[in-house]
């Protein structure tokens, strides 16, 4: 069964489906982000003989397009149908529809949706701090185990997670995302988050993202609110879970001095 044969239901779908038409605006420069990701992946994959890649949380396609731009065979998936559609549209727009396929799937069902491809991917990526949409150790461990099982022996993972060690210490409550306002802007947009920190049932640290989107023209604007919850996944927890899933050579990196994201790399043992 492929992800296209079943209805993918996860708690975050309402949030991302609601934002999908404007999701690209989360980046100040979408094209620039694609270029940076392409450079970062080229460096990370050097000498690893990577040809076939799974983007396990493709969003609107920033990483998938970057990977396709390296000439790789890319499978892009996301639980949000709206974002999968946008990713496919971007693949066509940038001329990568032949080496990029997009379909719905979610972290906990990758091993089922891609059962026929277990052990065949050279690399698996998930960026944009998507993995912490899973809140429990059991679910996180299952997702990481799915990555392990989909990789070929020696295959690598590249996982971006918001640097919650930094944010919890700074007591972050308001996080700006995008401002497009002024005389030279016809369709104005303001996007920001209000964070609510709280504990989960397992005493794990969670944070609600209340994302506000204000847009309009002239003096007429509308405001929308979208809410989703993340696990504030700290570095020590992430490294432990990766090792428990059978991944080895776990390392943590900062890419392009992006303060908000840490990148975890590891591999399936040979």
Protein backbone atom coordinates (compact mmCIF):
# COMPACT_ATOMS: atom_id res chain seq x y z
CA UNK A 1 0.00 0.00 0.00
CA UNK A 2 1.37 3.43 -0.89
CA UNK A 3 0.67 6.67 0.92
CA UNK A 4 -1.56 7.61 -2.01
CA UNK A 5 -3.82 4.63 -1.29
CA UNK A 6 -4.80 5.67 2.23
CA UNK A 7 -5.92 8.76 4.04
CA UNK A 8 -3.06 10.13 6.11
CA UNK A 9 -4.30 11.51 9.41
CA UNK A 10 -1.94 13.21 11.87
CA UNK A 11 -2.62 15.94 14.42
CA UNK A 12 -0.62 18.57 12.54
CA UNK A 13 -2.54 18.30 9.23
CA UNK A 14 -5.04 21.02 10.04
CA UNK A 15 -2.20 23.41 10.82
CA UNK A 16 -0.19 22.73 7.66
CA UNK A 17 -3.13 22.30 5.29
CA UNK A 18 -4.42 25.66 6.51
CA UNK A 19 -1.06 27.34 5.89
CA UNK A 20 -0.10 25.42 2.73
CA UNK A 21 -0.96 28.18 0.23
CA UNK A 22 1.34 30.60 2.08
CA UNK A 23 3.83 28.16 3.60
CA UNK A 24 6.62 29.32 1.30
CA UNK A 25 6.41 32.71 3.01
CA UNK A 26 7.81 31.21 6.22
CA UNK A 27 11.16 31.83 4.51
CA UNK A 28 12.32 35.38 3.79
CA UNK A 29 13.87 34.09 0.54
CA UNK A 30 12.48 30.72 -0.58
CA UNK A 31 14.82 30.40 -3.55
CA UNK A 32 17.78 31.41 -1.42
CA UNK A 33 16.86 28.74 1.14
CA UNK A 34 16.80 26.10 -1.62
CA UNK A 35 20.27 27.20 -2.73
CA UNK A 36 21.63 27.01 0.84
CA UNK A 37 20.10 23.57 1.37
CA UNK A 38 21.58 22.31 -1.90
CA UNK A 39 25.03 23.46 -0.83
CA UNK A 40 24.61 21.89 2.62
CA UNK A 41 23.45 18.54 1.20
CA UNK A 42 26.24 18.50 -1.38
CA UNK A 43 28.73 18.88 1.47
CA UNK A 44 27.00 16.36 3.75
CA UNK A 45 26.74 13.71 1.00
CA UNK A 46 30.28 14.08 -0.31
CA UNK A 47 31.91 10.66 -0.59
CA UNK A 48 28.74 8.83 0.54
CA UNK A 49 27.63 7.56 -2.90
CA UNK A 50 24.14 9.02 -2.46
CA UNK A 51 21.81 8.55 -5.43
CA UNK A 52 18.39 7.74 -3.96
CA UNK A 53 16.98 9.98 -1.19
CA UNK A 54 13.80 10.10 0.88
CA UNK A 55 12.66 13.50 2.13
CA UNK A 56 10.39 12.38 4.97
CA UNK A 57 8.82 15.80 5.63
CA UNK A 58 8.93 17.67 2.35
CA UNK A 59 6.69 20.63 3.14
CA UNK A 60 6.43 22.82 0.05
CA UNK A 61 9.64 21.32 -1.32
CA UNK A 62 12.61 23.40 -0.13
CA UNK A 63 14.80 20.37 0.58
CA UNK A 64 13.30 18.09 -2.08
CA UNK A 65 13.97 20.68 -4.80
CA UNK A 66 17.49 21.18 -3.46
CA UNK A 67 18.12 17.42 -3.58
CA UNK A 68 16.67 17.08 -7.06
CA UNK A 69 18.96 19.93 -8.12
CA UNK A 70 21.91 17.68 -7.24
CA UNK A 71 20.66 15.15 -9.80
CA UNK A 72 19.39 12.70 -7.18
CA UNK A 73 16.36 10.41 -7.34
CA UNK A 74 14.06 12.00 -4.76
CA UNK A 75 10.98 10.66 -3.01
CA UNK A 76 9.25 13.49 -1.15
CA UNK A 77 6.51 12.83 1.37
CA UNK A 78 4.55 14.70 4.00
CA UNK A 79 1.35 13.97 5.95
CA UNK A 80 -0.20 17.23 4.70
CA UNK A 81 -1.97 16.75 1.37
CA UNK A 82 -1.85 20.51 0.78
CA UNK A 83 1.92 20.61 1.14
CA UNK A 84 2.46 17.50 -0.98
CA UNK A 85 0.48 19.18 -3.74
CA UNK A 86 2.55 22.34 -3.40
CA UNK A 87 5.79 20.31 -3.48
CA UNK A 88 4.70 18.57 -6.69
CA UNK A 89 3.81 21.95 -8.23
CA UNK A 90 7.22 23.33 -7.32
CA UNK A 91 8.95 20.27 -8.78
CA UNK A 92 7.17 20.92 -12.07
CA UNK A 93 7.90 24.66 -11.88
CA UNK A 94 11.63 24.05 -11.43
CA UNK A 95 11.79 21.23 -13.99
CA UNK A 96 12.35 18.31 -11.62
CA UNK A 97 9.13 16.34 -12.07
CA UNK A 98 11.07 13.47 -13.69
CA UNK A 99 13.37 12.79 -10.73
CA UNK A 100 11.04 13.87 -7.88
CA UNK A 101 7.90 12.02 -6.83
CA UNK A 102 5.68 13.43 -4.08
CA UNK A 103 3.10 11.54 -2.03
CA UNK A 104 1.46 11.57 1.36
CA UNK A 105 2.97 9.58 4.21
CA UNK A 106 3.91 10.12 7.84
CA UNK A 107 6.86 9.24 10.04
CA UNK A 108 5.15 6.34 11.82
CA UNK A 109 3.99 4.62 8.62
CA UNK A 110 6.97 5.05 6.31
CA UNK A 111 7.89 1.39 6.74
CA UNK A 112 4.41 0.40 5.53
CA UNK A 113 4.00 2.97 2.75
CA UNK A 114 7.44 2.13 1.34
CA UNK A 115 7.54 -1.54 2.30
CA UNK A 116 8.83 -2.59 -1.11
CA UNK A 117 11.76 -0.17 -0.76
CA UNK A 118 13.04 -1.16 2.69
CA UNK A 119 16.84 -1.08 2.77
CA UNK A 120 17.17 0.80 -0.54
CA UNK A 121 17.57 4.50 0.29
CA UNK A 122 21.07 5.96 0.37
CA UNK A 123 19.94 8.87 2.53
CA UNK A 124 16.90 10.08 4.45
CA UNK A 125 16.39 13.73 5.34
CA UNK A 126 13.85 15.56 7.45
CA UNK A 127 14.34 19.27 8.01
CA UNK A 128 12.31 22.19 9.30
CA UNK A 129 12.14 20.62 12.78
CA UNK A 130 9.38 18.28 11.65
CA UNK A 131 10.32 15.24 13.73
CA UNK A 132 9.30 16.90 17.05
CA UNK A 133 5.66 16.79 15.93
CA UNK A 134 5.97 13.36 17.57
CA UNK A 135 5.66 13.85 21.31
CA UNK A 136 6.54 10.55 23.00
CA UNK A 137 9.79 8.62 23.18
CA UNK A 138 8.00 5.58 21.75
CA UNK A 139 6.81 7.43 18.64
CA UNK A 140 10.14 9.17 18.11
CA UNK A 141 11.99 5.87 18.47
CA UNK A 142 9.59 4.21 15.98
CA UNK A 143 10.14 6.97 13.42
CA UNK A 144 13.92 6.73 13.76
CA UNK A 145 13.71 2.93 13.51
CA UNK A 146 11.74 3.35 10.29
CA UNK A 147 14.55 5.55 8.96
CA UNK A 148 17.06 2.85 9.93
CA UNK A 149 15.07 0.13 8.17
CA UNK A 150 14.56 2.13 4.97
CA UNK A 151 18.27 2.91 4.64
CA UNK A 152 20.70 0.60 2.92
CA UNK A 153 23.57 -0.57 5.14
CA UNK A 154 25.86 2.43 5.50
CA UNK A 155 23.10 4.84 4.44
CA UNK A 156 22.85 8.17 6.24
CA UNK A 157 20.25 10.35 7.92
CA UNK A 158 20.24 14.15 7.99
CA UNK A 159 17.74 15.48 10.55
CA UNK A 160 17.08 19.12 11.37
CA UNK A 161 15.66 19.90 14.82
CA UNK A 162 14.99 23.30 16.34
CA UNK A 163 17.65 24.09 18.94
CA UNK A 164 15.35 23.79 21.95
CA UNK A 165 18.29 23.80 24.37
CA UNK A 166 18.80 27.42 23.31
CA UNK A 167 15.13 28.41 23.19
CA UNK A 168 14.19 26.96 26.59
CA UNK A 169 17.07 28.87 28.21
CA UNK A 170 16.03 32.11 26.48
CA UNK A 171 12.38 31.62 27.55
CA UNK A 172 11.23 32.39 24.00
CA UNK A 173 7.55 33.35 23.78
CA UNK A 174 7.19 35.32 20.54
CA UNK A 175 8.93 34.22 17.35
CA UNK A 176 8.76 36.38 14.19
CA UNK A 177 8.56 34.59 10.86
CA UNK A 178 7.76 36.99 8.02
CA UNK A 179 6.96 40.66 7.46
CA UNK A 180 6.05 41.97 4.02
CA UNK A 181 4.61 45.42 4.58
CA UNK A 182 5.08 48.75 2.81
CA UNK A 183 4.41 50.86 -0.24
CA UNK A 184 6.13 48.45 -2.60
CA UNK A 185 4.11 45.43 -1.41
CA UNK A 186 0.66 44.86 -2.93
CA UNK A 187 -0.35 41.86 -0.81
CA UNK A 188 0.92 42.42 2.71
CA UNK A 189 1.74 39.54 5.06
CA UNK A 190 2.76 39.36 8.70
CA UNK A 191 3.43 35.91 10.20
CA UNK A 192 4.52 35.29 13.78
CA UNK A 193 4.27 32.65 16.50
CA UNK A 194 3.26 32.89 20.13
CA UNK A 195 4.79 29.97 22.05
CA UNK A 196 3.19 28.30 25.08
CA UNK A 197 5.52 26.01 27.05
CA UNK A 198 3.95 23.14 29.01
CA UNK A 199 4.58 19.57 30.17
CA UNK A 200 3.18 16.44 28.53
CA UNK A 201 1.77 13.27 30.08
CA UNK A 202 5.27 11.76 30.29
CA UNK A 203 6.66 14.96 31.82
CA UNK A 204 8.33 15.76 28.50
CA UNK A 205 8.64 19.41 27.52
CA UNK A 206 6.08 20.48 24.91
CA UNK A 207 5.45 23.83 23.26
CA UNK A 208 2.31 25.02 21.46
CA UNK A 209 2.92 27.15 18.38
CA UNK A 210 0.11 29.68 17.91
CA UNK A 211 0.84 30.93 14.41
CA UNK A 212 -0.88 34.17 13.42
CA UNK A 213 -1.12 35.16 9.75
CA UNK A 214 -2.28 38.68 8.91
CA UNK A 215 -2.65 39.54 5.24
CA UNK A 216 -4.46 41.96 2.97
CA UNK A 217 -4.22 45.12 0.89
CA UNK A 218 -4.45 48.81 1.74
CA UNK A 219 -6.56 49.19 4.88
CA UNK A 220 -8.32 45.81 4.59
CA UNK A 221 -6.63 42.88 6.32
CA UNK A 222 -7.70 39.53 7.72
CA UNK A 223 -6.16 37.55 10.57
CA UNK A 224 -5.98 33.77 10.88
CA UNK A 225 -4.68 31.61 13.70
CA UNK A 226 -3.26 28.08 13.37
CA UNK A 227 -2.11 25.94 16.29
CA UNK A 228 0.21 22.94 16.47
CA UNK A 229 2.26 21.31 19.23
CA UNK A 230 5.93 20.28 19.18
CA UNK A 231 8.05 18.21 21.52
CA UNK A 232 10.86 20.42 22.75
CA UNK A 233 13.39 17.77 21.83
CA UNK A 234 16.68 18.45 23.54
CA UNK A 235 20.07 17.39 22.20
CA UNK A 236 20.74 14.72 24.84
CA UNK A 237 17.30 13.17 24.24
CA UNK A 238 17.73 13.17 20.46
CA UNK A 239 21.16 11.54 20.55
CA UNK A 240 19.88 8.83 22.91
CA UNK A 241 16.84 8.04 20.75
CA UNK A 242 18.93 7.83 17.57
CA UNK A 243 21.27 5.32 19.20
CA UNK A 244 18.34 3.30 20.57
CA UNK A 245 16.97 3.06 17.01
CA UNK A 246 20.20 1.36 15.92
CA UNK A 247 21.84 4.35 14.22
CA UNK A 248 25.57 4.88 14.72
CA UNK A 249 28.15 7.63 14.26
CA UNK A 250 25.71 10.21 15.65
CA UNK A 251 26.93 13.81 15.24
CA UNK A 252 25.43 17.28 15.68
CA UNK A 253 26.17 20.20 13.36
CA UNK A 254 25.27 23.82 12.80
CA UNK A 255 24.75 24.69 9.13
CA UNK A 256 25.31 28.23 7.78
CA UNK A 257 25.18 29.59 11.33
CA UNK A 258 21.40 28.98 11.45
CA UNK A 259 20.82 29.63 15.13
CA UNK A 260 17.43 27.99 15.29
CA UNK A 261 18.31 24.56 13.85
CA UNK A 262 20.73 21.79 14.78
CA UNK A 263 21.41 19.09 12.19
CA UNK A 264 21.87 15.51 13.40
CA UNK A 265 23.66 13.03 11.15
CA UNK A 266 24.10 9.29 11.62
CA UNK A 267 24.15 6.11 9.60
CA UNK A 268 22.81 2.58 9.50
CA UNK A 269 25.63 0.16 10.40
CA UNK A 270 27.24 -1.77 7.56
